[in-house]
Protein backbone atom coordinates (compact mmCIF):
# COMPACT_ATOMS: atom_id res chain seq x y z
CA UNK A 1 0.00 0.00 0.00
CA UNK A 2 2.85 2.34 0.86
CA UNK A 3 4.43 1.71 -2.56
CA UNK A 4 1.21 2.87 -4.31
CA UNK A 5 1.16 6.10 -2.33
CA UNK A 6 4.81 6.83 -3.18
CA UNK A 7 4.26 5.94 -6.85
CA UNK A 8 1.24 8.26 -7.09
CA UNK A 9 3.18 11.08 -5.42
CA UNK A 10 6.06 10.64 -7.90
CA UNK A 11 3.63 10.61 -10.82
CA UNK A 12 2.17 13.96 -9.76
CA UNK A 13 5.67 15.44 -9.50
CA UNK A 14 6.59 14.25 -12.98
CA UNK A 15 3.40 15.34 -14.78
CA UNK A 16 3.39 18.81 -16.34
CA UNK A 17 1.25 21.29 -14.45
CA UNK A 18 -1.14 21.69 -17.42
CA UNK A 19 -1.94 17.98 -17.32
CA UNK A 20 -3.00 18.27 -13.68
CA UNK A 21 -5.81 20.65 -14.65
CA UNK A 22 -8.22 18.60 -16.73
CA UNK A 23 -9.99 20.52 -19.46
CA UNK A 24 -13.73 20.84 -19.21
CA UNK A 25 -15.92 19.27 -21.86
CA UNK A 26 -17.59 21.68 -24.30
CA UNK A 27 -21.31 21.24 -23.77
CA UNK A 28 -24.43 22.89 -25.12
CA UNK A 29 -25.19 26.07 -23.14
CA UNK A 30 -28.00 26.50 -20.60
CA UNK A 31 -27.78 22.86 -19.51
CA UNK A 32 -29.24 21.66 -22.80
CA UNK A 33 -28.20 18.45 -24.53
CA UNK A 34 -27.22 17.91 -28.16
CA UNK A 35 -30.01 16.24 -30.09
CA UNK A 36 -32.85 17.68 -27.99
CA UNK A 37 -36.07 18.33 -29.92
CA UNK A 38 -37.34 21.80 -30.85
CA UNK A 39 -40.35 21.20 -28.60
CA UNK A 40 -38.11 20.56 -25.59
CA UNK A 41 -36.03 23.69 -26.34
CA UNK A 42 -39.22 25.79 -26.66
CA UNK A 43 -40.33 24.47 -23.26
CA UNK A 44 -37.02 25.55 -21.70
CA UNK A 45 -37.32 28.96 -23.40
CA UNK A 46 -40.86 29.42 -22.05
CA UNK A 47 -39.77 28.40 -18.55
CA UNK A 48 -36.97 31.00 -18.75
CA UNK A 49 -39.59 33.65 -19.67
CA UNK A 50 -37.80 34.33 -22.96
CA UNK A 51 -39.60 34.73 -26.30
CA UNK A 52 -39.35 32.96 -29.64
CA UNK A 53 -39.27 35.84 -32.12
CA UNK A 54 -38.79 33.81 -35.30
CA UNK A 55 -38.76 30.26 -36.63
CA UNK A 56 -37.29 29.58 -40.06
CA UNK A 57 -35.50 27.08 -42.24
CA UNK A 58 -31.88 27.74 -43.21
CA UNK A 59 -30.72 25.23 -45.79
CA UNK A 60 -31.38 21.81 -44.29
CA UNK A 61 -31.64 23.12 -40.73
CA UNK A 62 -34.48 24.61 -38.74
CA UNK A 63 -33.73 27.69 -36.65
CA UNK A 64 -35.47 29.12 -33.59
CA UNK A 65 -34.50 32.72 -32.80
CA UNK A 66 -34.97 33.77 -29.18
CA UNK A 67 -34.68 37.03 -27.26
CA UNK A 68 -34.98 37.63 -23.54
CA UNK A 69 -32.67 34.98 -22.12
CA UNK A 70 -31.21 36.73 -19.10
CA UNK A 71 -27.44 36.93 -19.43
CA UNK A 72 -25.41 40.12 -19.36
CA UNK A 73 -25.04 41.54 -22.87
CA UNK A 74 -26.91 38.66 -24.55
CA UNK A 75 -29.05 40.14 -27.30
CA UNK A 76 -30.28 37.08 -29.19
CA UNK A 77 -29.88 33.30 -29.24
CA UNK A 78 -30.27 31.08 -32.29
CA UNK A 79 -30.97 27.38 -31.86
CA UNK A 80 -30.21 25.25 -34.93
CA UNK A 81 -31.72 21.79 -35.47
CA UNK A 82 -30.51 19.11 -37.88
CA UNK A 83 -32.55 15.95 -38.36
CA UNK A 84 -34.94 17.11 -35.62
CA UNK A 85 -32.25 17.50 -32.94
CA UNK A 86 -30.31 20.43 -31.47
CA UNK A 87 -27.01 20.74 -33.37
CA UNK A 88 -25.83 24.32 -32.76
CA UNK A 89 -26.47 27.24 -30.43
CA UNK A 90 -25.34 30.74 -31.37
CA UNK A 91 -25.25 33.39 -28.65
CA UNK A 92 -25.15 36.95 -30.07
CA UNK A 93 -23.96 39.67 -27.73
CA UNK A 94 -24.09 43.45 -27.92
CA UNK A 95 -22.64 45.90 -25.45
CA UNK A 96 -24.51 49.09 -26.31
CA UNK A 97 -22.65 52.23 -25.38
CA UNK A 98 -19.27 50.51 -25.27
CA UNK A 99 -16.50 51.74 -27.54
CA UNK A 100 -14.52 49.29 -29.65
CA UNK A 101 -11.55 49.20 -27.25
CA UNK A 102 -13.79 48.18 -24.34
CA UNK A 103 -15.49 45.51 -26.47
CA UNK A 104 -12.09 44.18 -27.61
CA UNK A 105 -11.02 43.91 -23.97
CA UNK A 106 -14.25 42.05 -23.14
CA UNK A 107 -13.67 39.65 -26.07
CA UNK A 108 -10.12 39.03 -24.80
CA UNK A 109 -11.59 38.15 -21.38
CA UNK A 110 -14.03 35.68 -22.96
CA UNK A 111 -11.15 34.11 -24.91
CA UNK A 112 -8.99 33.77 -21.80
CA UNK A 113 -11.85 32.11 -19.92
CA UNK A 114 -12.39 29.64 -22.78
CA UNK A 115 -8.64 28.92 -22.95
CA UNK A 116 -8.66 28.06 -19.24
CA UNK A 117 -11.75 25.84 -19.57
CA UNK A 118 -11.06 24.10 -22.88
CA UNK A 119 -7.34 24.51 -23.56
CA UNK A 120 -5.71 26.98 -25.95
CA UNK A 121 -8.00 28.08 -28.77
CA UNK A 122 -6.69 28.64 -32.25
CA UNK A 123 -7.15 31.79 -34.29
CA UNK A 124 -8.99 30.79 -37.49
CA UNK A 125 -9.98 34.22 -38.82
CA UNK A 126 -8.05 37.48 -38.66
CA UNK A 127 -9.15 39.90 -41.32
CA UNK A 128 -9.17 43.64 -41.66
CA UNK A 129 -10.22 45.58 -44.69
CA UNK A 130 -11.42 48.81 -46.16
CA UNK A 131 -13.52 48.53 -49.32
CA UNK A 132 -15.50 51.43 -50.75
CA UNK A 133 -15.45 53.24 -47.42
CA UNK A 134 -16.58 50.17 -45.45
CA UNK A 135 -14.00 49.34 -42.80
CA UNK A 136 -14.33 45.95 -41.17
CA UNK A 137 -12.55 43.67 -38.76
CA UNK A 138 -13.20 39.97 -38.24
CA UNK A 139 -11.45 37.85 -35.62
CA UNK A 140 -12.41 34.32 -34.72
CA UNK A 141 -11.06 31.65 -32.38
CA UNK A 142 -12.01 27.98 -32.17
CA UNK A 143 -11.84 25.24 -29.56
CA UNK A 144 -12.50 21.66 -30.68
CA UNK A 145 -13.05 18.53 -28.61
CA UNK A 146 -14.12 15.25 -30.17
CA UNK A 147 -17.14 16.21 -32.27
CA UNK A 148 -18.02 19.47 -30.52
CA UNK A 149 -16.61 22.93 -31.20
CA UNK A 150 -16.88 26.39 -29.73
CA UNK A 151 -16.18 29.43 -31.87
CA UNK A 152 -15.78 32.99 -30.59
CA UNK A 153 -16.32 35.60 -33.32
CA UNK A 154 -15.80 39.36 -33.09
CA UNK A 155 -16.96 41.34 -36.12
CA UNK A 156 -17.06 45.12 -36.46
CA UNK A 157 -17.87 47.28 -39.47
CA UNK A 158 -18.17 50.99 -40.04
CA UNK A 159 -19.19 53.11 -43.00
CA UNK A 160 -19.35 56.80 -42.30
CA UNK A 161 -21.33 57.30 -39.09
CA UNK A 162 -23.00 53.88 -39.29
CA UNK A 163 -21.46 51.21 -37.09
CA UNK A 164 -22.25 47.54 -36.68
CA UNK A 165 -20.68 45.15 -34.24
CA UNK A 166 -21.34 41.55 -33.26
CA UNK A 167 -19.71 39.29 -30.71
CA UNK A 168 -20.96 35.73 -30.81
CA UNK A 169 -20.30 32.32 -29.34
CA UNK A 170 -21.19 29.29 -31.50
CA UNK A 171 -21.52 25.94 -29.74
CA UNK A 172 -21.70 23.25 -32.41
CA UNK A 173 -22.05 19.46 -32.36
CA UNK A 174 -20.46 18.46 -35.65
C-alpha atoms as a PDB file:
ATOM      1  CA  UNK A   1       0.000   0.000   0.000  1.00  0.00           C
ATOM      2  CA  UNK A   2       2.846   2.343   0.857  1.00  0.00           C
ATOM      3  CA  UNK A   3       4.429   1.707  -2.559  1.00  0.00           C
ATOM      4  CA  UNK A   4       1.213   2.871  -4.311  1.00  0.00           C
ATOM      5  CA  UNK A   5       1.161   6.103  -2.328  1.00  0.00           C
ATOM      6  CA  UNK A   6       4.813   6.829  -3.178  1.00  0.00           C
ATOM      7  CA  UNK A   7       4.257   5.936  -6.851  1.00  0.00           C
ATOM      8  CA  UNK A   8       1.235   8.259  -7.093  1.00  0.00           C
ATOM      9  CA  UNK A   9       3.177  11.081  -5.421  1.00  0.00           C
ATOM     10  CA  UNK A  10       6.057  10.640  -7.899  1.00  0.00           C
ATOM     11  CA  UNK A  11       3.628  10.606 -10.821  1.00  0.00           C
ATOM     12  CA  UNK A  12       2.169  13.960  -9.757  1.00  0.00           C
ATOM     13  CA  UNK A  13       5.674  15.442  -9.496  1.00  0.00           C
ATOM     14  CA  UNK A  14       6.591  14.248 -12.984  1.00  0.00           C
ATOM     15  CA  UNK A  15       3.403  15.344 -14.783  1.00  0.00           C
ATOM     16  CA  UNK A  16       3.394  18.808 -16.339  1.00  0.00           C
ATOM     17  CA  UNK A  17       1.250  21.289 -14.445  1.00  0.00           C
ATOM     18  CA  UNK A  18      -1.140  21.690 -17.415  1.00  0.00           C
ATOM     19  CA  UNK A  19      -1.940  17.981 -17.320  1.00  0.00           C
ATOM     20  CA  UNK A  20      -2.997  18.268 -13.679  1.00  0.00           C
ATOM     21  CA  UNK A  21      -5.806  20.648 -14.652  1.00  0.00           C
ATOM     22  CA  UNK A  22      -8.225  18.597 -16.728  1.00  0.00           C
ATOM     23  CA  UNK A  23      -9.987  20.523 -19.459  1.00  0.00           C
ATOM     24  CA  UNK A  24     -13.728  20.840 -19.212  1.00  0.00           C
ATOM     25  CA  UNK A  25     -15.920  19.270 -21.861  1.00  0.00           C
ATOM     26  CA  UNK A  26     -17.590  21.678 -24.297  1.00  0.00           C
ATOM     27  CA  UNK A  27     -21.312  21.239 -23.766  1.00  0.00           C
ATOM     28  CA  UNK A  28     -24.426  22.891 -25.123  1.00  0.00           C
ATOM     29  CA  UNK A  29     -25.193  26.072 -23.142  1.00  0.00           C
ATOM     30  CA  UNK A  30     -27.996  26.504 -20.599  1.00  0.00           C
ATOM     31  CA  UNK A  31     -27.776  22.861 -19.513  1.00  0.00           C
ATOM     32  CA  UNK A  32     -29.244  21.662 -22.802  1.00  0.00           C
ATOM     33  CA  UNK A  33     -28.204  18.448 -24.534  1.00  0.00           C
ATOM     34  CA  UNK A  34     -27.218  17.913 -28.158  1.00  0.00           C
ATOM     35  CA  UNK A  35     -30.014  16.241 -30.093  1.00  0.00           C
ATOM     36  CA  UNK A  36     -32.855  17.682 -27.988  1.00  0.00           C
ATOM     37  CA  UNK A  37     -36.073  18.329 -29.916  1.00  0.00           C
ATOM     38  CA  UNK A  38     -37.335  21.802 -30.853  1.00  0.00           C
ATOM     39  CA  UNK A  39     -40.355  21.198 -28.599  1.00  0.00           C
ATOM     40  CA  UNK A  40     -38.108  20.558 -25.588  1.00  0.00           C
ATOM     41  CA  UNK A  41     -36.032  23.691 -26.338  1.00  0.00           C
ATOM     42  CA  UNK A  42     -39.221  25.793 -26.658  1.00  0.00           C
ATOM     43  CA  UNK A  43     -40.333  24.466 -23.257  1.00  0.00           C
ATOM     44  CA  UNK A  44     -37.021  25.547 -21.704  1.00  0.00           C
ATOM     45  CA  UNK A  45     -37.321  28.962 -23.404  1.00  0.00           C
ATOM     46  CA  UNK A  46     -40.864  29.425 -22.047  1.00  0.00           C
ATOM     47  CA  UNK A  47     -39.766  28.397 -18.548  1.00  0.00           C
ATOM     48  CA  UNK A  48     -36.974  31.000 -18.746  1.00  0.00           C
ATOM     49  CA  UNK A  49     -39.586  33.646 -19.666  1.00  0.00           C
ATOM     50  CA  UNK A  50     -37.797  34.329 -22.959  1.00  0.00           C
ATOM     51  CA  UNK A  51     -39.600  34.727 -26.303  1.00  0.00           C
ATOM     52  CA  UNK A  52     -39.350  32.958 -29.639  1.00  0.00           C
ATOM     53  CA  UNK A  53     -39.272  35.836 -32.122  1.00  0.00           C
ATOM     54  CA  UNK A  54     -38.788  33.810 -35.295  1.00  0.00           C
ATOM     55  CA  UNK A  55     -38.757  30.258 -36.628  1.00  0.00           C
ATOM     56  CA  UNK A  56     -37.291  29.576 -40.055  1.00  0.00           C
ATOM     57  CA  UNK A  57     -35.499  27.079 -42.241  1.00  0.00           C
ATOM     58  CA  UNK A  58     -31.883  27.741 -43.213  1.00  0.00           C
ATOM     59  CA  UNK A  59     -30.720  25.226 -45.786  1.00  0.00           C
ATOM     60  CA  UNK A  60     -31.382  21.806 -44.292  1.00  0.00           C
ATOM     61  CA  UNK A  61     -31.643  23.115 -40.734  1.00  0.00           C
ATOM     62  CA  UNK A  62     -34.480  24.614 -38.738  1.00  0.00           C
ATOM     63  CA  UNK A  63     -33.732  27.688 -36.650  1.00  0.00           C
ATOM     64  CA  UNK A  64     -35.475  29.120 -33.593  1.00  0.00           C
ATOM     65  CA  UNK A  65     -34.495  32.725 -32.800  1.00  0.00           C
ATOM     66  CA  UNK A  66     -34.974  33.772 -29.180  1.00  0.00           C
ATOM     67  CA  UNK A  67     -34.680  37.034 -27.261  1.00  0.00           C
ATOM     68  CA  UNK A  68     -34.980  37.633 -23.544  1.00  0.00           C
ATOM     69  CA  UNK A  69     -32.668  34.980 -22.116  1.00  0.00           C
ATOM     70  CA  UNK A  70     -31.214  36.727 -19.096  1.00  0.00           C
ATOM     71  CA  UNK A  71     -27.444  36.928 -19.427  1.00  0.00           C
ATOM     72  CA  UNK A  72     -25.412  40.117 -19.358  1.00  0.00           C
ATOM     73  CA  UNK A  73     -25.039  41.540 -22.865  1.00  0.00           C
ATOM     74  CA  UNK A  74     -26.912  38.656 -24.548  1.00  0.00           C
ATOM     75  CA  UNK A  75     -29.048  40.137 -27.303  1.00  0.00           C
ATOM     76  CA  UNK A  76     -30.283  37.084 -29.191  1.00  0.00           C
ATOM     77  CA  UNK A  77     -29.884  33.299 -29.236  1.00  0.00           C
ATOM     78  CA  UNK A  78     -30.268  31.080 -32.291  1.00  0.00           C
ATOM     79  CA  UNK A  79     -30.966  27.379 -31.861  1.00  0.00           C
ATOM     80  CA  UNK A  80     -30.208  25.249 -34.933  1.00  0.00           C
ATOM     81  CA  UNK A  81     -31.717  21.787 -35.469  1.00  0.00           C
ATOM     82  CA  UNK A  82     -30.511  19.115 -37.877  1.00  0.00           C
ATOM     83  CA  UNK A  83     -32.553  15.948 -38.362  1.00  0.00           C
ATOM     84  CA  UNK A  84     -34.935  17.108 -35.616  1.00  0.00           C
ATOM     85  CA  UNK A  85     -32.252  17.505 -32.940  1.00  0.00           C
ATOM     86  CA  UNK A  86     -30.311  20.426 -31.473  1.00  0.00           C
ATOM     87  CA  UNK A  87     -27.010  20.738 -33.375  1.00  0.00           C
ATOM     88  CA  UNK A  88     -25.826  24.317 -32.764  1.00  0.00           C
ATOM     89  CA  UNK A  89     -26.474  27.244 -30.431  1.00  0.00           C
ATOM     90  CA  UNK A  90     -25.337  30.740 -31.369  1.00  0.00           C
ATOM     91  CA  UNK A  91     -25.251  33.394 -28.652  1.00  0.00           C
ATOM     92  CA  UNK A  92     -25.152  36.946 -30.070  1.00  0.00           C
ATOM     93  CA  UNK A  93     -23.961  39.671 -27.734  1.00  0.00           C
ATOM     94  CA  UNK A  94     -24.093  43.448 -27.920  1.00  0.00           C
ATOM     95  CA  UNK A  95     -22.636  45.903 -25.454  1.00  0.00           C
ATOM     96  CA  UNK A  96     -24.513  49.086 -26.311  1.00  0.00           C
ATOM     97  CA  UNK A  97     -22.652  52.233 -25.383  1.00  0.00           C
ATOM     98  CA  UNK A  98     -19.268  50.508 -25.270  1.00  0.00           C
ATOM     99  CA  UNK A  99     -16.502  51.744 -27.535  1.00  0.00           C
ATOM    100  CA  UNK A 100     -14.516  49.295 -29.649  1.00  0.00           C
ATOM    101  CA  UNK A 101     -11.546  49.198 -27.251  1.00  0.00           C
ATOM    102  CA  UNK A 102     -13.789  48.182 -24.344  1.00  0.00           C
ATOM    103  CA  UNK A 103     -15.494  45.510 -26.470  1.00  0.00           C
ATOM    104  CA  UNK A 104     -12.092  44.175 -27.614  1.00  0.00           C
ATOM    105  CA  UNK A 105     -11.020  43.910 -23.969  1.00  0.00           C
ATOM    106  CA  UNK A 106     -14.252  42.048 -23.140  1.00  0.00           C
ATOM    107  CA  UNK A 107     -13.671  39.648 -26.067  1.00  0.00           C
ATOM    108  CA  UNK A 108     -10.120  39.029 -24.797  1.00  0.00           C
ATOM    109  CA  UNK A 109     -11.585  38.151 -21.385  1.00  0.00           C
ATOM    110  CA  UNK A 110     -14.029  35.678 -22.964  1.00  0.00           C
ATOM    111  CA  UNK A 111     -11.153  34.114 -24.913  1.00  0.00           C
ATOM    112  CA  UNK A 112      -8.986  33.771 -21.796  1.00  0.00           C
ATOM    113  CA  UNK A 113     -11.849  32.105 -19.917  1.00  0.00           C
ATOM    114  CA  UNK A 114     -12.394  29.638 -22.777  1.00  0.00           C
ATOM    115  CA  UNK A 115      -8.636  28.925 -22.945  1.00  0.00           C
ATOM    116  CA  UNK A 116      -8.657  28.062 -19.241  1.00  0.00           C
ATOM    117  CA  UNK A 117     -11.749  25.840 -19.566  1.00  0.00           C
ATOM    118  CA  UNK A 118     -11.058  24.099 -22.879  1.00  0.00           C
ATOM    119  CA  UNK A 119      -7.336  24.515 -23.560  1.00  0.00           C
ATOM    120  CA  UNK A 120      -5.713  26.978 -25.954  1.00  0.00           C
ATOM    121  CA  UNK A 121      -7.998  28.076 -28.773  1.00  0.00           C
ATOM    122  CA  UNK A 122      -6.692  28.640 -32.254  1.00  0.00           C
ATOM    123  CA  UNK A 123      -7.155  31.787 -34.293  1.00  0.00           C
ATOM    124  CA  UNK A 124      -8.986  30.787 -37.485  1.00  0.00           C
ATOM    125  CA  UNK A 125      -9.984  34.219 -38.818  1.00  0.00           C
ATOM    126  CA  UNK A 126      -8.050  37.477 -38.659  1.00  0.00           C
ATOM    127  CA  UNK A 127      -9.151  39.896 -41.321  1.00  0.00           C
ATOM    128  CA  UNK A 128      -9.172  43.641 -41.660  1.00  0.00           C
ATOM    129  CA  UNK A 129     -10.222  45.575 -44.692  1.00  0.00           C
ATOM    130  CA  UNK A 130     -11.425  48.811 -46.164  1.00  0.00           C
ATOM    131  CA  UNK A 131     -13.525  48.533 -49.315  1.00  0.00           C
ATOM    132  CA  UNK A 132     -15.497  51.433 -50.753  1.00  0.00           C
ATOM    133  CA  UNK A 133     -15.446  53.241 -47.416  1.00  0.00           C
ATOM    134  CA  UNK A 134     -16.578  50.166 -45.454  1.00  0.00           C
ATOM    135  CA  UNK A 135     -13.995  49.342 -42.804  1.00  0.00           C
ATOM    136  CA  UNK A 136     -14.327  45.953 -41.174  1.00  0.00           C
ATOM    137  CA  UNK A 137     -12.546  43.674 -38.759  1.00  0.00           C
ATOM    138  CA  UNK A 138     -13.204  39.972 -38.242  1.00  0.00           C
ATOM    139  CA  UNK A 139     -11.454  37.854 -35.624  1.00  0.00           C
ATOM    140  CA  UNK A 140     -12.411  34.322 -34.717  1.00  0.00           C
ATOM    141  CA  UNK A 141     -11.060  31.645 -32.376  1.00  0.00           C
ATOM    142  CA  UNK A 142     -12.008  27.981 -32.168  1.00  0.00           C
ATOM    143  CA  UNK A 143     -11.843  25.238 -29.555  1.00  0.00           C
ATOM    144  CA  UNK A 144     -12.502  21.664 -30.678  1.00  0.00           C
ATOM    145  CA  UNK A 145     -13.049  18.527 -28.613  1.00  0.00           C
ATOM    146  CA  UNK A 146     -14.124  15.245 -30.166  1.00  0.00           C
ATOM    147  CA  UNK A 147     -17.143  16.212 -32.272  1.00  0.00           C
ATOM    148  CA  UNK A 148     -18.018  19.471 -30.524  1.00  0.00           C
ATOM    149  CA  UNK A 149     -16.611  22.927 -31.197  1.00  0.00           C
ATOM    150  CA  UNK A 150     -16.881  26.389 -29.728  1.00  0.00           C
ATOM    151  CA  UNK A 151     -16.184  29.435 -31.866  1.00  0.00           C
ATOM    152  CA  UNK A 152     -15.785  32.989 -30.592  1.00  0.00           C
ATOM    153  CA  UNK A 153     -16.324  35.599 -33.321  1.00  0.00           C
ATOM    154  CA  UNK A 154     -15.803  39.360 -33.088  1.00  0.00           C
ATOM    155  CA  UNK A 155     -16.965  41.342 -36.120  1.00  0.00           C
ATOM    156  CA  UNK A 156     -17.056  45.119 -36.461  1.00  0.00           C
ATOM    157  CA  UNK A 157     -17.873  47.282 -39.472  1.00  0.00           C
ATOM    158  CA  UNK A 158     -18.174  50.994 -40.036  1.00  0.00           C
ATOM    159  CA  UNK A 159     -19.191  53.106 -42.996  1.00  0.00           C
ATOM    160  CA  UNK A 160     -19.349  56.799 -42.298  1.00  0.00           C
ATOM    161  CA  UNK A 161     -21.332  57.301 -39.092  1.00  0.00           C
ATOM    162  CA  UNK A 162     -22.998  53.882 -39.289  1.00  0.00           C
ATOM    163  CA  UNK A 163     -21.456  51.210 -37.086  1.00  0.00           C
ATOM    164  CA  UNK A 164     -22.246  47.538 -36.679  1.00  0.00           C
ATOM    165  CA  UNK A 165     -20.680  45.147 -34.240  1.00  0.00           C
ATOM    166  CA  UNK A 166     -21.340  41.548 -33.261  1.00  0.00           C
ATOM    167  CA  UNK A 167     -19.711  39.288 -30.712  1.00  0.00           C
ATOM    168  CA  UNK A 168     -20.956  35.730 -30.814  1.00  0.00           C
ATOM    169  CA  UNK A 169     -20.296  32.316 -29.343  1.00  0.00           C
ATOM    170  CA  UNK A 170     -21.194  29.292 -31.498  1.00  0.00           C
ATOM    171  CA  UNK A 171     -21.517  25.939 -29.745  1.00  0.00           C
ATOM    172  CA  UNK A 172     -21.704  23.246 -32.409  1.00  0.00           C
ATOM    173  CA  UNK A 173     -22.049  19.460 -32.358  1.00  0.00           C
ATOM    174  CA  UNK A 174     -20.464  18.465 -35.652  1.00  0.00           C
END
